[in-house]
Amino acid sequence: MAVGIRFTAASVARVRFALSPLGETVLALRILLGGAGGHAVHRPWADGARPLLTGERELSLLRALIAGPLPSFLFPVPEERLPSAATELEALRATEETFFRREYGAVTGVPAEDAPAPESVLPRLAGALHRCHELLVAPHWGRMRAVLEADVARRALTLVDGGVQALFAGLHEDIAWDDGQLVVNGRRTPRAAHTVDTRGHGLVLLPGVFNWPDVGVDKSPVAAASIRYPALGVGLLWERPATAPAGLAAVLGRTRTALLTALAEPLTTTALAGRLGITPSAVSQHLGALRAAGLVSTRRTGRTALHLRTERAAHLLDAPLP
């Protein structure tokens, strides 16, 4: 079903990006519990994650809520760019009763007036999601965050170079700008069958891993509208990292060799720090030395810097250029 998102001048000015550890956990569970979604690209992760799921009582509750259309209360829109899972779970526990009953009824088929009270469901649900996050997502969050942060950095450059319309045009083939509104999932039915009014609250764009390759839109936003789109680079996330030639680490050092290996794609300093498990300041120091040696190039736009290894570095690694 095509969904149209209407904008005012105020809401266009409030377009922003955010990441969502909770959203990734819910979508990861949807893959593992056999609901709609998932893709072969996630199979290496899924094969290792599926045996970790235990607790049939908890899983039955989660399965009932994510088997079909996903309730909006599972995806509280982040108020900051990078919230913790704990912060998002707190927002889930605070879901307003009328909204919870309506969404719960819509996905389970129970009339809203007969839906359970939120205090009887949400604490148990939040506890189950916390355990699932720790098992399924947290061990991989460093690499996932690096991919997501790199995607946001690239979109920021698109926004600077081409404006909001260019930003929207490049998000996903199922997202199109049409006469003052965004139309999502409109390839087959270009006319929006459902309309979301941002009412000046703005739009939050959330790059994702486990929704790949699909795009999703919140049809019942409480405040800001939100779109989850597949981040660039997800296809490489679960691949084993390339191995640098033996002996190169002895010359450059292990960290600098790892940096050059990671920079087969453009990455920010923050993304590199998350991927290598070191501080951004340490990354900056190493990048400075590699840049002086002609092994890394950096493109700066405002406060955003994207790094990429040079042709000289690719020859050192005996790897093809991107």
Protein backbone atom coordinates (compact mmCIF):
# COMPACT_ATOMS: atom_id res chain seq x y z
CA MET A 1 0.00 0.00 0.00
CA ALA A 2 1.38 3.38 -1.00
CA VAL A 3 1.71 5.88 1.85
CA GLY A 4 1.95 9.62 1.31
CA ILE A 5 3.74 11.86 3.81
CA ARG A 6 2.62 15.48 3.63
CA PHE A 7 4.97 18.30 4.49
CA THR A 8 4.72 21.88 5.61
CA ALA A 9 7.59 24.34 5.41
CA ALA A 10 8.16 23.76 9.14
CA SER A 11 8.27 19.97 8.81
CA VAL A 12 10.71 20.07 5.88
CA ALA A 13 13.02 22.09 8.09
CA ARG A 14 12.82 19.32 10.71
CA VAL A 15 14.00 16.42 8.56
CA ARG A 16 16.73 14.62 10.50
CA PHE A 17 18.50 11.26 10.83
CA ALA A 18 18.64 8.82 13.73
CA LEU A 19 19.75 5.26 14.47
CA SER A 20 17.63 2.80 16.44
CA PRO A 21 19.07 -0.21 18.32
CA LEU A 22 15.54 -1.18 19.40
CA GLY A 23 14.22 -1.02 15.85
CA GLU A 24 17.06 -3.26 14.69
CA THR A 25 16.24 -5.74 17.46
CA VAL A 26 12.56 -5.94 16.49
CA LEU A 27 13.39 -6.40 12.81
CA ALA A 28 16.05 -8.99 13.63
CA LEU A 29 13.46 -10.96 15.60
CA ARG A 30 11.06 -10.74 12.69
CA ILE A 31 13.63 -12.51 10.53
CA LEU A 32 14.38 -15.20 13.11
CA LEU A 33 10.79 -15.92 14.13
CA GLY A 34 9.71 -16.50 10.57
CA GLY A 35 7.58 -13.45 9.88
CA ALA A 36 7.60 -11.50 6.64
CA GLY A 37 10.93 -9.95 5.83
CA GLY A 38 14.48 -11.14 5.91
CA HIS A 39 16.82 -11.74 3.04
CA ALA A 40 19.56 -14.18 2.10
CA VAL A 41 22.13 -11.45 2.83
CA HIS A 42 21.42 -11.95 6.56
CA ARG A 43 21.81 -15.75 6.49
CA PRO A 44 25.34 -15.81 7.98
CA TRP A 45 24.06 -13.81 10.95
CA ALA A 46 20.77 -15.71 11.25
CA ASP A 47 22.47 -19.12 11.29
CA GLY A 48 24.42 -18.12 14.37
CA ALA A 49 21.66 -16.12 16.05
CA ARG A 50 18.69 -18.50 15.79
CA PRO A 51 20.01 -21.06 18.33
CA LEU A 52 20.34 -18.26 20.89
CA LEU A 53 16.58 -17.71 21.10
CA THR A 54 15.09 -19.34 24.20
CA GLY A 55 12.08 -18.80 26.45
CA GLU A 56 8.91 -19.92 24.71
CA ARG A 57 6.60 -17.70 26.79
CA GLU A 58 8.53 -14.56 25.82
CA LEU A 59 8.85 -15.63 22.20
CA SER A 60 5.13 -16.34 21.88
CA LEU A 61 4.35 -12.74 22.87
CA LEU A 62 6.91 -11.36 20.44
CA ARG A 63 5.77 -13.69 17.66
CA ALA A 64 2.16 -12.58 18.06
CA LEU A 65 3.13 -8.91 17.71
CA ILE A 66 5.52 -9.16 14.76
CA ALA A 67 3.99 -11.90 12.60
CA GLY A 68 2.07 -9.41 10.43
CA PRO A 69 1.89 -5.60 10.28
CA LEU A 70 4.17 -4.20 12.96
CA PRO A 71 2.63 -2.10 15.75
CA SER A 72 4.00 1.43 15.92
CA PHE A 73 4.62 1.25 19.67
CA LEU A 74 7.51 -1.15 18.99
CA PHE A 75 9.27 1.68 17.14
CA PRO A 76 9.28 4.82 19.31
CA VAL A 77 10.84 7.56 17.19
CA PRO A 78 14.26 8.46 18.66
CA GLU A 79 14.53 11.96 20.07
CA GLU A 80 18.29 11.96 19.58
CA ARG A 81 20.54 10.83 16.77
CA LEU A 82 21.95 7.79 18.55
CA PRO A 83 19.85 6.67 21.53
CA SER A 84 20.81 3.69 23.63
CA ALA A 85 18.64 0.59 23.61
CA ALA A 86 17.79 1.36 27.26
CA THR A 87 16.49 4.82 26.33
CA GLU A 88 14.29 3.40 23.58
CA LEU A 89 12.95 0.67 25.86
CA GLU A 90 12.02 3.31 28.41
CA ALA A 91 10.02 5.09 25.70
CA LEU A 92 8.33 1.78 24.86
CA ARG A 93 7.30 1.26 28.50
CA ALA A 94 5.81 4.78 28.52
CA THR A 95 3.49 4.14 25.55
CA GLU A 96 0.17 5.97 26.03
CA GLU A 97 -2.71 3.60 26.81
CA THR A 98 -5.17 4.54 24.05
CA PHE A 99 -2.45 4.37 21.42
CA PHE A 100 -1.23 1.00 22.76
CA ARG A 101 -4.69 -0.53 22.76
CA ARG A 102 -5.42 0.66 19.23
CA GLU A 103 -2.14 -0.64 17.82
CA TYR A 104 -2.29 -3.91 19.77
CA GLY A 105 -5.80 -4.54 18.51
CA ALA A 106 -4.86 -3.73 14.93
CA VAL A 107 -2.14 -6.40 14.78
CA THR A 108 -3.78 -9.11 16.89
CA GLY A 109 -7.40 -8.75 15.77
CA VAL A 110 -8.59 -8.02 19.31
CA PRO A 111 -11.01 -5.07 19.61
CA ALA A 112 -9.21 -2.11 21.11
CA GLU A 113 -11.55 -2.03 24.09
CA ASP A 114 -10.70 -5.68 24.84
CA ALA A 115 -6.94 -5.30 24.49
CA PRO A 116 -4.93 -5.87 27.68
CA ALA A 117 -3.83 -2.91 29.76
CA PRO A 118 -0.36 -1.69 28.73
CA GLU A 119 1.02 -2.20 32.23
CA SER A 120 0.31 -5.93 31.89
CA VAL A 121 2.18 -6.24 28.59
CA LEU A 122 4.78 -3.51 28.12
CA PRO A 123 7.12 -4.35 31.05
CA ARG A 124 7.26 -8.00 29.99
CA LEU A 125 7.70 -7.00 26.36
CA ALA A 126 10.49 -4.54 27.19
CA GLY A 127 12.27 -7.20 29.25
CA ALA A 128 12.09 -9.72 26.41
CA LEU A 129 13.33 -7.18 23.88
CA HIS A 130 16.20 -6.18 26.17
CA ARG A 131 17.37 -9.82 26.42
CA CYS A 132 17.01 -10.29 22.67
CA HIS A 133 18.98 -7.10 22.01
CA GLU A 134 21.83 -8.27 24.22
CA LEU A 135 21.94 -11.68 22.49
CA LEU A 136 21.23 -10.82 18.87
CA VAL A 137 22.26 -7.23 18.17
CA ALA A 138 24.65 -5.91 20.83
CA PRO A 139 27.53 -8.28 19.87
CA HIS A 140 27.41 -6.89 16.31
CA TRP A 141 26.44 -3.29 17.09
CA GLY A 142 29.95 -1.88 16.53
CA ARG A 143 30.01 -3.06 12.90
CA MET A 144 26.33 -2.26 12.37
CA ARG A 145 26.75 1.24 13.74
CA ALA A 146 29.75 1.80 11.45
CA VAL A 147 27.63 0.92 8.39
CA LEU A 148 24.73 3.08 9.58
CA GLU A 149 26.93 6.08 10.45
CA ALA A 150 28.66 5.84 7.07
CA ASP A 151 25.27 5.86 5.36
CA VAL A 152 24.19 8.98 7.26
CA ALA A 153 27.45 10.71 6.35
CA ARG A 154 26.87 10.00 2.65
CA ARG A 155 23.28 11.22 2.83
CA ALA A 156 24.47 14.39 4.53
CA LEU A 157 26.76 15.09 1.58
CA THR A 158 23.84 14.52 -0.80
CA LEU A 159 21.76 17.00 1.19
CA VAL A 160 24.54 19.59 1.05
CA ASP A 161 25.15 19.10 -2.68
CA GLY A 162 21.57 18.66 -3.93
CA GLY A 163 19.10 19.71 -1.24
CA VAL A 164 16.17 17.88 0.33
CA GLN A 165 14.71 16.66 -2.96
CA ALA A 166 18.01 15.00 -3.95
CA LEU A 167 18.21 13.44 -0.48
CA PHE A 168 14.75 11.88 -0.82
CA ALA A 169 15.39 10.75 -4.40
CA GLY A 170 18.43 8.72 -3.37
CA LEU A 171 17.03 6.94 -0.32
CA HIS A 172 15.27 4.02 -2.03
CA GLU A 173 13.57 3.16 -5.30
CA ASP A 174 10.27 2.90 -3.41
CA ILE A 175 10.46 6.50 -2.16
CA ALA A 176 9.51 9.35 -4.48
CA TRP A 177 8.83 13.07 -4.12
CA ASP A 178 5.50 14.00 -5.68
CA ASP A 179 4.13 17.54 -5.60
CA GLY A 180 4.90 18.40 -1.99
CA GLN A 181 4.65 14.95 -0.47
CA LEU A 182 6.74 11.81 -0.20
CA VAL A 183 5.15 8.66 -1.58
CA VAL A 184 6.46 5.43 -0.05
CA ASN A 185 5.92 2.00 -1.64
CA GLY A 186 4.38 3.65 -4.68
CA ARG A 187 5.93 1.69 -7.54
CA ARG A 188 2.80 -0.38 -8.19
CA THR A 189 0.18 2.04 -6.92
CA PRO A 190 1.57 5.58 -7.29
CA ARG A 191 -1.48 7.16 -5.63
CA ALA A 192 -1.21 7.17 -1.87
CA ALA A 193 -3.90 5.00 -0.31
CA HIS A 194 -2.97 6.26 3.15
CA THR A 195 -1.73 9.72 4.11
CA VAL A 196 0.45 10.74 7.05
CA ASP A 197 0.46 14.40 7.98
CA THR A 198 3.67 15.56 9.66
CA ARG A 199 1.78 18.51 11.19
CA GLY A 200 5.03 20.44 11.53
CA HIS A 201 6.67 17.72 13.64
CA GLY A 202 9.10 16.77 10.90
CA LEU A 203 10.41 13.49 9.52
CA VAL A 204 13.02 11.16 10.98
CA LEU A 205 15.00 9.05 8.51
CA LEU A 206 16.34 5.82 10.00
CA PRO A 207 18.89 3.80 8.04
CA GLY A 208 18.60 0.14 8.92
CA VAL A 209 20.30 -3.21 8.62
CA PHE A 210 17.63 -5.81 9.26
CA ASN A 211 14.94 -4.17 7.12
CA TRP A 212 17.21 -4.57 4.06
CA PRO A 213 16.24 -4.47 1.20
CA ASP A 214 12.81 -3.04 2.07
CA VAL A 215 11.57 0.35 3.17
CA GLY A 216 9.04 0.90 5.95
CA VAL A 217 6.97 3.84 7.08
CA ASP A 218 5.12 4.51 10.34
CA LYS A 219 1.47 4.90 9.36
CA SER A 220 0.41 6.02 12.85
CA PRO A 221 2.98 8.53 14.12
CA VAL A 222 2.35 10.14 17.49
CA ALA A 223 4.53 13.13 16.60
CA ALA A 224 7.30 13.06 13.98
CA ALA A 225 6.79 10.81 10.98
CA SER A 226 9.49 8.22 10.28
CA ILE A 227 10.85 6.16 7.40
CA ARG A 228 13.15 3.18 7.79
CA TYR A 229 15.24 2.56 4.71
CA PRO A 230 18.04 0.05 3.99
CA ALA A 231 21.49 1.46 4.64
CA LEU A 232 24.15 1.31 1.96
CA GLY A 233 26.78 -1.36 2.56
CA VAL A 234 24.55 -3.89 4.35
CA GLY A 235 25.43 -6.50 1.74
CA LEU A 236 29.02 -6.49 3.00
CA LEU A 237 28.20 -6.46 6.72
CA TRP A 238 28.31 -10.19 7.38
CA GLU A 239 31.19 -10.94 5.02
CA ARG A 240 34.46 -11.91 6.62
CA PRO A 241 36.87 -8.96 6.50
CA ALA A 242 39.59 -9.12 3.90
CA THR A 243 42.97 -10.32 5.14
CA ALA A 244 45.89 -7.97 4.64
CA PRO A 245 49.10 -9.40 3.16
CA ALA A 246 51.32 -11.13 5.70
CA GLY A 247 54.01 -8.79 6.94
CA LEU A 248 52.23 -5.50 6.19
CA ALA A 249 51.10 -5.14 9.81
CA ALA A 250 54.70 -5.50 10.92
CA VAL A 251 55.58 -2.45 8.80
CA LEU A 252 52.53 -0.21 9.29
CA GLY A 253 51.27 -1.57 12.59
CA ARG A 254 48.12 -3.59 13.18
CA THR A 255 45.78 -0.62 13.66
CA ARG A 256 46.88 1.27 10.54
CA THR A 257 46.67 -1.89 8.46
CA ALA A 258 43.15 -2.50 9.78
CA LEU A 259 42.22 1.09 8.92
CA LEU A 260 43.39 0.69 5.33
CA THR A 261 41.52 -2.61 5.02
CA ALA A 262 38.30 -1.01 6.31
CA LEU A 263 38.65 1.97 3.96
CA ALA A 264 37.72 -0.01 0.86
CA GLU A 265 34.54 2.10 1.28
CA PRO A 266 34.22 5.73 2.41
CA LEU A 267 33.86 5.91 6.20
CA THR A 268 33.75 8.63 8.82
CA THR A 269 36.14 8.84 11.75
CA THR A 270 33.33 7.78 14.08
CA ALA A 271 32.44 4.80 11.91
CA LEU A 272 36.07 3.68 11.83
CA ALA A 273 36.32 4.00 15.59
CA GLY A 274 33.25 1.81 16.04
CA ARG A 275 34.47 -0.78 13.57
CA LEU A 276 37.97 -1.06 15.07
CA GLY A 277 36.97 -0.60 18.72
CA ILE A 278 39.27 2.37 19.35
CA THR A 279 38.65 6.03 20.18
CA PRO A 280 37.93 8.61 17.45
CA SER A 281 40.99 10.61 18.56
CA ALA A 282 43.20 7.55 18.03
CA VAL A 283 41.68 7.04 14.59
CA SER A 284 42.40 10.68 13.72
CA GLN A 285 46.05 10.32 14.72
CA HIS A 286 46.53 7.21 12.61
CA LEU A 287 44.67 8.74 9.66
CA GLY A 288 46.92 11.78 9.82
CA ALA A 289 50.00 9.59 9.44
CA LEU A 290 48.43 7.55 6.62
CA ARG A 291 47.31 10.72 4.84
CA ALA A 292 50.83 12.17 5.05
CA ALA A 293 52.13 8.96 3.44
CA GLY A 294 49.63 9.26 0.60
CA LEU A 295 47.66 6.18 1.66
CA VAL A 296 44.37 7.86 2.67
CA SER A 297 42.39 10.70 1.15
CA THR A 298 39.83 12.73 3.06
CA ARG A 299 36.90 14.77 1.79
CA ARG A 300 35.48 17.35 4.19
CA THR A 301 32.07 19.03 4.05
CA GLY A 302 31.38 21.18 7.08
CA ARG A 303 31.99 19.01 10.13
CA THR A 304 31.69 15.75 8.21
CA ALA A 305 34.81 14.03 6.88
CA LEU A 306 34.80 10.88 4.74
CA HIS A 307 38.00 8.86 4.39
CA LEU A 308 38.97 6.44 1.62
CA ARG A 309 42.18 4.57 0.89
CA THR A 310 44.15 5.73 -2.15
CA GLU A 311 45.37 3.79 -5.17
CA ARG A 312 48.79 3.50 -3.51
CA ALA A 313 47.18 1.86 -0.46
CA ALA A 314 45.17 -0.51 -2.65
CA HIS A 315 48.39 -1.66 -4.31
CA LEU A 316 49.96 -2.22 -0.90
CA LEU A 317 47.01 -4.38 0.12
CA ASP A 318 46.99 -6.05 -3.29
CA ALA A 319 43.26 -5.32 -3.40
CA PRO A 320 41.06 -3.92 -6.20
CA LEU A 321 39.94 -0.31 -6.02
CA PRO A 322 36.25 0.25 -5.02
